[in-house]
Amino acid sequence: MFAFSELRRSALNAVACVVVALLLAPSAHAQNDPLPSWNDTAPKAAILSFVEKVTKQGSPEFVPEPERIAVFDNDGTLWVEQPMYTQLAFALDRVKTLAPQHPEWKDVQPFKAALEGDIKTLAASGEKGLLEIILATHTGMTTSEFEKVVTDWLSTARDPKFKRPYTELVYQPMVELLSYLRANGFKTIIVSGGGVEFMRPWAEKVYGVPPEQVIGSSIKTQFKMQDDTPTLYRLPEINFIDDKAGKPVGINQEIGRRPIAAFGNSDGDLEMLQWTTMAGAPARLGMLVHHTDTEREYAYDRDTEFGRLDKALDAAPIAGWTVIDMKADWKQIFKD
């Protein structure tokens, strides 16, 4: 009788342990889901289907690893771009830092607007005004000195809405996508209108994208010997604008292969998506992040100075691009 009771008790304990383990353990789906921050909606299905087609040996749309190139815009696609581009926030802080050396700025636009925080006037100055500020605040130093300025600023600057470092305001679903593509033999490359030397100091740590896989706008540099040390000195001259029609040019110059997947969020990415997807076989994937979430981030598209999504949004259904609805398709925006 005693032996039977002990046997029954042991069996019950074993069953209880199994039940607890099943309740506490993550589901097989959760363990195997490469995109856990994405809802099970059409964009996620499109990504999974595309990757399966181009990586499956014997598939008519199989793509060899060296040709698996995926390009990503940065502002508004991988991290926040409202209420202004992060690099512009950096430049405005630099204007304030450098203002004592330039007393004339308080009376000259666009510097006057920058010092007064007049974003409307600043935006109205257009590309010409923004370039003036960039050239005045990003040059006159070596590349190493500029990298330190950027790194120091990012370590202390905080986004005005979320009160967090900008490098924490990257989209978790897109970070997962970058990792998923790399795990499937893709080379992931950032192609941004932002400054290449503004992004390179932190892109690898934040996105897993090394400096040599970052393409961006650039200014001219000049080799100089400074105190017997070879340096590259940043000149107040534009070298290349990696935006709109410049993106396919930059891709061709820096990569030498046409991508098979492109991810953007604005009209500045229109030509990059066209260049990537309008090339016939094999399979191609074009996706646009549509900012629709006022509670967790921002909602904007056609009526904004930063990240306008108008022509590209109209082109998406015609070109067969997938539009990612941030509110509906992402379980979370940022990493907790």
Protein backbone atom coordinates (compact mmCIF):
# COMPACT_ATOMS: atom_id res chain seq x y z
CA MET A 1 0.00 0.00 0.00
CA PHE A 2 2.82 2.36 0.93
CA ALA A 3 4.68 1.64 -2.32
CA PHE A 4 1.53 2.26 -4.37
CA SER A 5 0.90 5.60 -2.64
CA GLU A 6 4.46 6.71 -3.23
CA LEU A 7 4.27 5.64 -6.86
CA ARG A 8 1.03 7.57 -7.37
CA ARG A 9 2.47 10.67 -5.67
CA SER A 10 5.57 10.54 -7.89
CA ALA A 11 3.43 10.19 -10.99
CA LEU A 12 1.28 13.17 -10.00
CA ASN A 13 4.36 15.25 -9.31
CA ALA A 14 5.77 14.36 -12.72
CA VAL A 15 2.54 15.35 -14.45
CA ALA A 16 2.46 18.63 -12.53
CA CYS A 17 6.00 19.42 -13.59
CA VAL A 18 5.18 18.77 -17.22
CA VAL A 19 2.09 21.01 -17.02
CA VAL A 20 4.05 23.84 -15.39
CA ALA A 21 6.81 23.52 -17.98
CA LEU A 22 4.31 23.71 -20.81
CA LEU A 23 2.67 26.78 -19.30
CA LEU A 24 5.92 28.62 -18.71
CA ALA A 25 7.81 27.66 -21.84
CA PRO A 26 7.44 29.88 -24.91
CA SER A 27 5.45 28.38 -27.71
CA ALA A 28 7.20 26.73 -30.61
CA HIS A 29 5.83 29.49 -32.82
CA ALA A 30 7.35 32.17 -30.59
CA GLN A 31 10.69 30.36 -30.51
CA ASN A 32 10.79 29.93 -34.29
CA ASP A 33 9.31 33.28 -35.29
CA PRO A 34 12.12 35.40 -36.76
CA LEU A 35 9.94 38.53 -36.68
CA PRO A 36 8.20 38.48 -33.28
CA SER A 37 7.49 42.23 -33.25
CA TRP A 38 5.45 41.96 -36.46
CA ASN A 39 1.76 41.11 -36.45
CA ASP A 40 0.73 38.19 -38.63
CA THR A 41 -0.51 40.44 -41.42
CA ALA A 42 0.26 40.81 -45.12
CA PRO A 43 3.66 42.58 -44.84
CA LYS A 44 5.13 39.88 -42.60
CA ALA A 45 3.79 37.18 -44.91
CA ALA A 46 5.30 38.99 -47.91
CA ILE A 47 8.72 39.10 -46.25
CA LEU A 48 8.69 35.43 -45.24
CA SER A 49 7.46 34.34 -48.67
CA PHE A 50 10.08 36.42 -50.47
CA VAL A 51 12.96 35.11 -48.38
CA GLU A 52 11.80 31.52 -48.85
CA LYS A 53 11.61 31.93 -52.64
CA VAL A 54 15.02 33.50 -53.12
CA THR A 55 16.90 31.22 -50.70
CA LYS A 56 15.40 27.83 -51.57
CA GLN A 57 17.68 25.73 -53.75
CA GLY A 58 15.85 24.59 -56.85
CA SER A 59 13.31 27.42 -56.68
CA PRO A 60 12.87 29.21 -60.03
CA GLU A 61 13.44 32.46 -58.12
CA PHE A 62 16.52 31.29 -56.20
CA VAL A 63 19.17 34.00 -55.83
CA PRO A 64 22.82 33.12 -55.03
CA GLU A 65 24.10 34.65 -51.79
CA PRO A 66 26.43 37.22 -53.40
CA GLU A 67 23.41 38.71 -55.18
CA ARG A 68 21.18 38.91 -52.11
CA ILE A 69 21.40 42.64 -51.50
CA ALA A 70 18.81 44.49 -49.40
CA VAL A 71 18.92 48.28 -49.08
CA PHE A 72 17.32 50.35 -46.33
CA ASP A 73 16.66 54.04 -45.98
CA ASN A 74 17.47 55.26 -42.46
CA ASP A 75 15.36 58.26 -41.36
CA GLY A 76 11.76 57.16 -40.87
CA THR A 77 12.55 53.62 -42.03
CA LEU A 78 14.94 52.43 -39.33
CA TRP A 79 14.58 55.20 -36.72
CA VAL A 80 12.48 58.29 -35.97
CA GLU A 81 12.50 61.33 -38.26
CA GLN A 82 9.93 63.53 -36.48
CA PRO A 83 9.66 66.30 -35.41
CA MET A 84 12.80 66.68 -37.56
CA TYR A 85 15.62 64.54 -38.91
CA THR A 86 18.00 63.53 -36.12
CA GLN A 87 20.98 64.91 -38.01
CA LEU A 88 19.19 68.25 -38.27
CA ALA A 89 18.68 68.24 -34.49
CA PHE A 90 22.42 67.61 -34.20
CA ALA A 91 23.18 70.47 -36.60
CA LEU A 92 20.93 72.89 -34.69
CA ASP A 93 22.70 72.06 -31.45
CA ARG A 94 26.00 72.66 -33.25
CA VAL A 95 24.76 76.10 -34.38
CA LYS A 96 24.13 77.03 -30.75
CA THR A 97 27.53 75.68 -29.71
CA LEU A 98 29.35 77.58 -32.44
CA ALA A 99 27.26 80.77 -32.25
CA PRO A 100 29.70 82.67 -29.97
CA GLN A 101 32.27 82.38 -32.77
CA HIS A 102 29.74 83.76 -35.30
CA PRO A 103 27.87 86.76 -33.83
CA GLU A 104 26.53 87.55 -37.32
CA TRP A 105 24.35 84.42 -37.24
CA LYS A 106 21.77 86.06 -34.99
CA ASP A 107 20.76 88.32 -37.88
CA VAL A 108 21.25 86.00 -40.87
CA GLN A 109 18.90 83.26 -42.07
CA PRO A 110 18.76 80.32 -41.76
CA PHE A 111 21.01 80.62 -38.70
CA LYS A 112 18.69 83.11 -37.02
CA ALA A 113 15.82 80.62 -37.27
CA ALA A 114 18.07 77.84 -35.96
CA LEU A 115 19.09 79.88 -32.93
CA GLU A 116 15.47 80.86 -32.21
CA GLY A 117 14.13 77.34 -32.69
CA ASP A 118 11.92 78.55 -35.55
CA ILE A 119 11.47 75.23 -37.33
CA LYS A 120 8.79 76.57 -39.70
CA THR A 121 11.11 79.24 -41.10
CA LEU A 122 13.97 76.78 -41.15
CA ALA A 123 11.94 74.25 -43.13
CA ALA A 124 10.83 77.01 -45.51
CA SER A 125 14.49 77.71 -46.30
CA GLY A 126 14.43 74.40 -48.17
CA GLU A 127 17.38 72.29 -49.19
CA LYS A 128 19.55 75.37 -49.73
CA GLY A 129 19.07 76.58 -46.15
CA LEU A 130 19.62 73.17 -44.62
CA LEU A 131 22.80 72.70 -46.63
CA GLU A 132 24.10 76.05 -45.38
CA ILE A 133 23.66 74.87 -41.81
CA ILE A 134 25.20 71.47 -42.51
CA LEU A 135 28.27 72.97 -44.18
CA ALA A 136 28.74 75.49 -41.38
CA THR A 137 28.46 72.94 -38.58
CA HIS A 138 29.94 69.73 -40.05
CA THR A 139 33.18 70.98 -41.57
CA GLY A 140 36.47 72.63 -40.63
CA MET A 141 37.76 69.57 -38.79
CA THR A 142 39.22 66.15 -39.45
CA THR A 143 37.06 63.08 -39.96
CA SER A 144 38.23 61.73 -36.59
CA GLU A 145 37.28 64.96 -34.84
CA PHE A 146 33.86 64.91 -36.48
CA GLU A 147 33.27 61.30 -35.43
CA LYS A 148 33.99 62.27 -31.81
CA VAL A 149 31.60 65.23 -32.00
CA VAL A 150 28.84 62.95 -33.31
CA THR A 151 29.51 60.23 -30.74
CA ASP A 152 29.60 62.69 -27.85
CA TRP A 153 26.34 64.32 -28.96
CA LEU A 154 24.50 61.02 -29.32
CA SER A 155 25.60 59.98 -25.84
CA THR A 156 23.87 63.00 -24.25
CA ALA A 157 21.12 64.17 -26.64
CA ARG A 158 17.54 63.15 -25.95
CA ASP A 159 14.53 63.07 -28.26
CA PRO A 160 12.05 65.81 -27.23
CA LYS A 161 9.00 63.54 -27.22
CA PHE A 162 10.28 60.22 -25.90
CA LYS A 163 13.07 61.59 -23.67
CA ARG A 164 15.33 58.76 -24.78
CA PRO A 165 18.63 58.66 -26.67
CA TYR A 166 18.09 58.73 -30.41
CA THR A 167 19.92 55.43 -30.79
CA GLU A 168 17.20 53.80 -28.68
CA LEU A 169 14.48 55.10 -31.00
CA VAL A 170 15.14 52.53 -33.69
CA TYR A 171 12.25 50.39 -34.90
CA GLN A 172 12.43 46.96 -33.31
CA PRO A 173 10.54 45.28 -36.19
CA MET A 174 13.13 46.60 -38.66
CA VAL A 175 16.05 45.53 -36.46
CA GLU A 176 14.53 42.04 -36.48
CA LEU A 177 14.16 42.22 -40.25
CA LEU A 178 17.81 43.20 -40.69
CA SER A 179 18.90 40.24 -38.57
CA TYR A 180 16.52 37.84 -40.35
CA LEU A 181 17.81 38.83 -43.77
CA ARG A 182 21.44 38.48 -42.71
CA ALA A 183 20.69 35.05 -41.25
CA ASN A 184 19.47 34.10 -44.73
CA GLY A 185 22.57 35.20 -46.59
CA PHE A 186 21.62 38.80 -47.36
CA LYS A 187 23.97 41.76 -47.22
CA THR A 188 22.05 44.61 -45.58
CA ILE A 189 23.06 48.11 -46.68
CA ILE A 190 21.87 51.51 -45.46
CA VAL A 191 21.22 54.00 -48.28
CA SER A 192 20.29 57.31 -46.70
CA GLY A 193 20.00 60.96 -47.56
CA GLY A 194 21.71 61.59 -44.23
CA GLY A 195 25.42 62.19 -43.91
CA VAL A 196 27.46 59.03 -44.30
CA GLU A 197 29.95 60.11 -41.63
CA PHE A 198 27.11 60.99 -39.26
CA MET A 199 25.77 57.41 -39.47
CA ARG A 200 28.92 55.30 -39.63
CA PRO A 201 30.10 55.82 -36.02
CA TRP A 202 27.03 54.05 -34.57
CA ALA A 203 25.32 52.03 -37.34
CA GLU A 204 27.12 48.78 -36.58
CA LYS A 205 26.36 48.86 -32.85
CA VAL A 206 22.70 49.80 -33.38
CA TYR A 207 21.78 47.95 -36.59
CA GLY A 208 24.56 45.42 -37.08
CA VAL A 209 25.49 47.23 -40.32
CA PRO A 210 29.26 47.87 -40.61
CA PRO A 211 30.58 51.26 -41.81
CA GLU A 212 31.48 49.98 -45.26
CA GLN A 213 27.81 49.06 -45.82
CA VAL A 214 26.53 52.58 -45.15
CA ILE A 215 25.91 54.83 -48.16
CA GLY A 216 24.93 58.45 -47.58
CA SER A 217 25.36 62.05 -48.57
CA SER A 218 28.90 63.34 -48.21
CA ILE A 219 31.02 66.44 -48.24
CA LYS A 220 34.43 66.75 -49.82
CA THR A 221 37.49 65.77 -47.82
CA GLN A 222 41.14 66.56 -48.33
CA PHE A 223 44.20 64.62 -47.24
CA LYS A 224 46.47 66.62 -44.93
CA MET A 225 49.49 65.96 -42.77
CA GLN A 226 48.66 67.48 -39.39
CA ASP A 227 51.42 67.39 -36.77
CA ASP A 228 53.08 64.58 -38.72
CA THR A 229 49.81 62.65 -38.69
CA PRO A 230 47.92 61.78 -41.88
CA THR A 231 44.34 63.06 -41.69
CA LEU A 232 41.29 63.67 -43.85
CA TYR A 233 40.03 67.25 -43.46
CA ARG A 234 36.34 68.03 -43.99
CA LEU A 235 35.81 70.86 -46.48
CA PRO A 236 32.74 73.13 -46.72
CA GLU A 237 31.77 71.69 -50.11
CA ILE A 238 29.12 69.14 -51.04
CA ASN A 239 30.47 65.96 -52.61
CA PHE A 240 27.32 63.89 -53.20
CA ILE A 241 23.62 64.03 -52.25
CA ASP A 242 22.34 60.50 -51.68
CA ASP A 243 18.64 61.23 -51.97
CA LYS A 244 15.87 60.71 -54.52
CA ALA A 245 17.50 60.04 -57.92
CA GLY A 246 20.87 60.10 -56.19
CA LYS A 247 20.13 56.86 -54.35
CA PRO A 248 20.32 54.54 -57.39
CA VAL A 249 23.50 56.37 -58.43
CA GLY A 250 25.01 55.85 -54.99
CA ILE A 251 24.00 52.19 -54.97
CA ASN A 252 25.61 51.62 -58.35
CA GLN A 253 28.80 53.45 -57.37
CA GLU A 254 29.25 51.82 -53.98
CA ILE A 255 27.77 48.33 -54.44
CA GLY A 256 27.97 47.55 -58.14
CA ARG A 257 24.97 45.22 -57.90
CA ARG A 258 21.28 45.93 -58.23
CA PRO A 259 19.51 45.12 -54.91
CA ILE A 260 16.68 42.60 -54.83
CA ALA A 261 14.93 44.20 -51.84
CA ALA A 262 14.44 47.83 -50.86
CA PHE A 263 12.81 49.42 -47.81
CA GLY A 264 11.92 53.09 -47.50
CA ASN A 265 9.26 55.42 -46.13
CA SER A 266 9.17 58.59 -48.22
CA ASP A 267 9.29 60.12 -51.67
CA GLY A 268 13.04 60.36 -51.20
CA ASP A 269 13.09 56.58 -51.58
CA LEU A 270 10.93 56.41 -54.71
CA GLU A 271 13.78 56.03 -57.21
CA MET A 272 15.58 53.51 -55.00
CA LEU A 273 12.48 51.29 -54.96
CA GLN A 274 12.01 51.71 -58.70
CA TRP A 275 15.66 50.81 -59.37
CA THR A 276 15.38 47.74 -57.15
CA THR A 277 12.05 46.29 -58.17
CA MET A 278 11.43 47.28 -61.79
CA ALA A 279 14.01 44.90 -63.18
CA GLY A 280 12.02 41.73 -63.79
CA ALA A 281 13.13 38.32 -62.51
CA PRO A 282 14.21 37.08 -60.09
CA ALA A 283 11.81 37.94 -57.28
CA ARG A 284 12.00 41.53 -56.03
CA LEU A 285 10.61 43.08 -52.87
CA GLY A 286 9.76 46.74 -52.29
CA MET A 287 8.29 47.97 -49.00
CA LEU A 288 7.28 51.35 -47.58
CA VAL A 289 6.86 52.11 -43.88
CA HIS A 290 3.70 54.18 -43.48
CA HIS A 291 3.64 56.16 -40.23
CA THR A 292 0.08 55.74 -38.93
CA ASP A 293 0.50 55.45 -35.16
CA THR A 294 -0.14 58.69 -33.27
CA GLU A 295 -0.02 56.98 -29.87
CA ARG A 296 3.18 54.97 -30.11
CA GLU A 297 5.05 57.20 -32.57
CA TYR A 298 3.66 59.65 -35.17
CA ALA A 299 1.10 59.70 -37.99
CA TYR A 300 2.09 61.55 -41.17
CA ASP A 301 2.47 61.10 -44.91
CA ARG A 302 1.59 63.70 -47.55
CA ASP A 303 1.57 66.83 -45.39
CA THR A 304 4.93 67.03 -43.63
CA GLU A 305 8.24 68.78 -44.19
CA PHE A 306 10.21 65.75 -43.05
CA GLY A 307 9.62 62.34 -44.61
CA ARG A 308 6.82 63.27 -47.02
CA LEU A 309 5.15 60.16 -48.44
CA ASP A 310 3.05 61.21 -51.42
CA LYS A 311 4.23 60.11 -54.86
CA ALA A 312 5.68 56.87 -53.54
CA LEU A 313 2.42 56.05 -51.74
CA ASP A 314 0.50 56.49 -54.98
CA ALA A 315 3.06 54.41 -56.87
CA ALA A 316 3.00 51.50 -54.40
CA PRO A 317 -0.11 49.64 -55.66
CA ILE A 318 0.92 50.17 -59.29
CA ALA A 319 4.48 48.93 -58.72
CA GLY A 320 3.41 46.09 -56.43
CA TRP A 321 5.18 47.44 -53.34
CA THR A 322 3.94 46.43 -49.90
CA VAL A 323 2.93 49.27 -47.58
CA ILE A 324 3.63 48.57 -43.90
CA ASP A 325 0.94 50.13 -41.73
CA MET A 326 2.87 50.89 -38.55
CA LYS A 327 -0.21 50.83 -36.32
CA ALA A 328 -1.72 47.64 -37.76
CA ASP A 329 1.36 45.63 -38.70
CA TRP A 330 3.79 46.17 -35.81
CA LYS A 331 3.22 44.75 -32.33
CA GLN A 332 5.73 47.18 -30.90
CA ILE A 333 7.66 50.16 -32.22
CA PHE A 334 10.76 50.44 -30.05
CA LYS A 335 12.63 47.93 -27.96
CA ASP A 336 11.36 48.07 -24.38
